Amino acid sequence: MDNKLDYVNFGLNMEKVQQKQKRVYVGEVISNTMQKTLVVKVARTFTHPRFHKIMRADKKYKVHNPVEVVRVGDIIEFYEGRPASKTKCMYFMRVVRQSNAYTPDALIGL
């Protein structure tokens, strides 16, 4: 009898282990006042199971943003990953659409 563990027998083929597909979210930035952190609102719609009415629910996520180029009102893509802090386990991916809103810094230059 062989004492070595055969991973194939346990259903684990070590050469073919794939990474888990990360879930990607799209949402609107509602705050960027914290350092390297964004607060992003993601809206979803669903049908109520009993009343069959289309409902809307919002959820806020804290997103890690090391580059700090995102403004309030921008639409961004982000994904879930390993926890960066107690409440932050999402990571910034890219800006989908920039906002046209004026910022206080832009008004000073007028």
C-alpha atoms as a PDB file:
ATOM      1  CA  MET A   1       0.000   0.000   0.000  1.00  0.00           C
ATOM      2  CA  ASP A   2       1.327   3.424  -0.991  1.00  0.00           C
ATOM      3  CA  ASN A   3       1.616   6.025   1.807  1.00  0.00           C
ATOM      4  CA  LYS A   4       1.577   9.023  -0.570  1.00  0.00           C
ATOM      5  CA  LEU A   5      -1.650  10.969  -0.873  1.00  0.00           C
ATOM      6  CA  ASP A   6      -3.124  10.820  -4.322  1.00  0.00           C
ATOM      7  CA  TYR A   7      -4.986  14.104  -4.886  1.00  0.00           C
ATOM      8  CA  VAL A   8      -6.851  12.720  -7.893  1.00  0.00           C
ATOM      9  CA  ASN A   9      -8.600  10.159  -5.664  1.00  0.00           C
ATOM     10  CA  PHE A  10     -10.004  12.972  -3.520  1.00  0.00           C
ATOM     11  CA  GLY A  11     -11.273  14.850  -6.557  1.00  0.00           C
ATOM     12  CA  LEU A  12      -8.488  17.444  -6.336  1.00  0.00           C
ATOM     13  CA  ASN A  13      -6.305  17.681  -9.394  1.00  0.00           C
ATOM     14  CA  MET A  14      -3.613  20.155  -8.340  1.00  0.00           C
ATOM     15  CA  GLU A  15      -2.651  21.070 -11.920  1.00  0.00           C
ATOM     16  CA  LYS A  16      -6.205  22.036 -12.842  1.00  0.00           C
ATOM     17  CA  VAL A  17      -7.175  24.121  -9.800  1.00  0.00           C
ATOM     18  CA  GLN A  18      -8.795  27.313 -11.066  1.00  0.00           C
ATOM     19  CA  GLN A  19      -9.310  30.573  -9.253  1.00  0.00           C
ATOM     20  CA  LYS A  20     -12.820  31.460  -8.155  1.00  0.00           C
ATOM     21  CA  GLN A  21     -14.577  33.873 -10.501  1.00  0.00           C
ATOM     22  CA  LYS A  22     -14.854  37.253  -8.770  1.00  0.00           C
ATOM     23  CA  ARG A  23     -18.240  38.989  -8.688  1.00  0.00           C
ATOM     24  CA  VAL A  24     -18.192  42.403 -10.380  1.00  0.00           C
ATOM     25  CA  TYR A  25     -20.523  45.216  -9.252  1.00  0.00           C
ATOM     26  CA  VAL A  26     -21.424  48.548 -10.866  1.00  0.00           C
ATOM     27  CA  GLY A  27     -22.431  51.473  -8.688  1.00  0.00           C
ATOM     28  CA  GLU A  28     -22.379  55.219  -8.089  1.00  0.00           C
ATOM     29  CA  VAL A  29     -19.803  56.866  -5.837  1.00  0.00           C
ATOM     30  CA  ILE A  30     -21.552  58.751  -3.032  1.00  0.00           C
ATOM     31  CA  SER A  31     -18.514  59.626  -0.890  1.00  0.00           C
ATOM     32  CA  ASN A  32     -14.754  59.873  -1.353  1.00  0.00           C
ATOM     33  CA  THR A  33     -13.767  61.756   1.806  1.00  0.00           C
ATOM     34  CA  MET A  34     -11.867  58.850   3.394  1.00  0.00           C
ATOM     35  CA  GLN A  35      -8.290  58.143   2.370  1.00  0.00           C
ATOM     36  CA  LYS A  36      -8.077  55.339  -0.222  1.00  0.00           C
ATOM     37  CA  THR A  37     -11.732  54.409   0.395  1.00  0.00           C
ATOM     38  CA  LEU A  38     -14.899  55.077  -1.579  1.00  0.00           C
ATOM     39  CA  VAL A  39     -18.504  54.576  -0.522  1.00  0.00           C
ATOM     40  CA  VAL A  40     -20.454  53.229  -3.491  1.00  0.00           C
ATOM     41  CA  LYS A  41     -24.221  52.733  -3.784  1.00  0.00           C
ATOM     42  CA  VAL A  42     -25.433  49.739  -5.796  1.00  0.00           C
ATOM     43  CA  ALA A  43     -29.117  49.625  -6.732  1.00  0.00           C
ATOM     44  CA  ARG A  44     -30.908  46.408  -7.608  1.00  0.00           C
ATOM     45  CA  THR A  45     -34.463  45.717  -8.686  1.00  0.00           C
ATOM     46  CA  PHE A  46     -36.460  42.605  -7.907  1.00  0.00           C
ATOM     47  CA  THR A  47     -40.034  41.391  -7.918  1.00  0.00           C
ATOM     48  CA  HIS A  48     -41.658  41.034  -4.524  1.00  0.00           C
ATOM     49  CA  PRO A  49     -42.464  37.344  -3.996  1.00  0.00           C
ATOM     50  CA  ARG A  50     -45.941  37.920  -2.584  1.00  0.00           C
ATOM     51  CA  PHE A  51     -47.211  41.167  -4.064  1.00  0.00           C
ATOM     52  CA  HIS A  52     -45.461  40.858  -7.476  1.00  0.00           C
ATOM     53  CA  LYS A  53     -44.492  44.507  -7.363  1.00  0.00           C
ATOM     54  CA  ILE A  54     -41.152  45.616  -8.751  1.00  0.00           C
ATOM     55  CA  MET A  55     -39.105  46.808  -5.794  1.00  0.00           C
ATOM     56  CA  ARG A  56     -35.843  48.717  -5.625  1.00  0.00           C
ATOM     57  CA  ALA A  57     -33.213  48.175  -2.956  1.00  0.00           C
ATOM     58  CA  ASP A  58     -29.952  50.066  -2.451  1.00  0.00           C
ATOM     59  CA  LYS A  59     -26.851  48.816  -0.693  1.00  0.00           C
ATOM     60  CA  LYS A  60     -23.686  50.719   0.176  1.00  0.00           C
ATOM     61  CA  TYR A  61     -20.229  49.178  -0.105  1.00  0.00           C
ATOM     62  CA  LYS A  62     -16.833  50.481   0.983  1.00  0.00           C
ATOM     63  CA  VAL A  63     -14.373  50.091  -1.873  1.00  0.00           C
ATOM     64  CA  HIS A  64     -10.572  50.201  -1.657  1.00  0.00           C
ATOM     65  CA  ASN A  65      -9.239  52.833  -4.068  1.00  0.00           C
ATOM     66  CA  PRO A  66      -5.437  53.205  -3.987  1.00  0.00           C
ATOM     67  CA  VAL A  67      -5.235  55.608  -6.963  1.00  0.00           C
ATOM     68  CA  GLU A  68      -7.759  58.190  -5.680  1.00  0.00           C
ATOM     69  CA  VAL A  69      -8.849  59.536  -9.089  1.00  0.00           C
ATOM     70  CA  VAL A  70     -12.582  58.979  -8.591  1.00  0.00           C
ATOM     71  CA  ARG A  71     -15.037  61.784  -7.826  1.00  0.00           C
ATOM     72  CA  VAL A  72     -18.497  61.801  -6.269  1.00  0.00           C
ATOM     73  CA  GLY A  73     -21.124  60.913  -8.865  1.00  0.00           C
ATOM     74  CA  ASP A  74     -18.880  58.715 -11.013  1.00  0.00           C
ATOM     75  CA  ILE A  75     -20.148  55.289 -12.060  1.00  0.00           C
ATOM     76  CA  ILE A  76     -17.487  52.652 -11.308  1.00  0.00           C
ATOM     77  CA  GLU A  77     -16.917  48.919 -11.524  1.00  0.00           C
ATOM     78  CA  PHE A  78     -15.516  47.079  -8.520  1.00  0.00           C
ATOM     79  CA  TYR A  79     -15.051  43.483  -7.434  1.00  0.00           C
ATOM     80  CA  GLU A  80     -14.987  41.511  -4.217  1.00  0.00           C
ATOM     81  CA  GLY A  81     -11.733  40.181  -2.844  1.00  0.00           C
ATOM     82  CA  ARG A  82      -9.941  39.479   0.389  1.00  0.00           C
ATOM     83  CA  PRO A  83     -10.747  41.809   3.310  1.00  0.00           C
ATOM     84  CA  ALA A  84      -8.701  45.005   3.344  1.00  0.00           C
ATOM     85  CA  SER A  85     -10.119  46.054   6.720  1.00  0.00           C
ATOM     86  CA  LYS A  86     -13.022  45.268   9.041  1.00  0.00           C
ATOM     87  CA  THR A  87     -15.681  46.664   6.687  1.00  0.00           C
ATOM     88  CA  LYS A  88     -13.853  46.822   3.345  1.00  0.00           C
ATOM     89  CA  CYS A  89     -13.550  43.795   1.059  1.00  0.00           C
ATOM     90  CA  MET A  90     -14.237  45.389  -2.340  1.00  0.00           C
ATOM     91  CA  TYR A  91     -11.615  46.671  -4.765  1.00  0.00           C
ATOM     92  CA  PHE A  92     -11.820  49.404  -7.427  1.00  0.00           C
ATOM     93  CA  MET A  93     -11.555  48.185 -11.028  1.00  0.00           C
ATOM     94  CA  ARG A  94     -12.310  51.059 -13.427  1.00  0.00           C
ATOM     95  CA  VAL A  95     -14.415  54.158 -14.044  1.00  0.00           C
ATOM     96  CA  VAL A  96     -17.362  53.404 -16.335  1.00  0.00           C
ATOM     97  CA  ARG A  97     -18.667  56.985 -16.631  1.00  0.00           C
ATOM     98  CA  GLN A  98     -17.413  60.225 -15.122  1.00  0.00           C
ATOM     99  CA  SER A  99     -19.839  62.684 -13.571  1.00  0.00           C
ATOM    100  CA  ASN A 100     -20.401  66.173 -14.925  1.00  0.00           C
ATOM    101  CA  ALA A 101     -21.041  67.633 -11.464  1.00  0.00           C
ATOM    102  CA  TYR A 102     -19.096  70.663 -10.394  1.00  0.00           C
ATOM    103  CA  THR A 103     -16.839  70.237  -7.403  1.00  0.00           C
ATOM    104  CA  PRO A 104     -16.014  73.016  -4.911  1.00  0.00           C
ATOM    105  CA  ASP A 105     -12.383  72.974  -6.108  1.00  0.00           C
ATOM    106  CA  ALA A 106     -13.498  73.598  -9.684  1.00  0.00           C
ATOM    107  CA  LEU A 107     -15.670  76.549  -8.613  1.00  0.00           C
ATOM    108  CA  ILE A 108     -12.718  78.282  -6.930  1.00  0.00           C
ATOM    109  CA  GLY A 109     -10.892  78.447 -10.262  1.00  0.00           C
ATOM    110  CA  LEU A 110     -13.757  80.362 -11.962  1.00  0.00           C
END
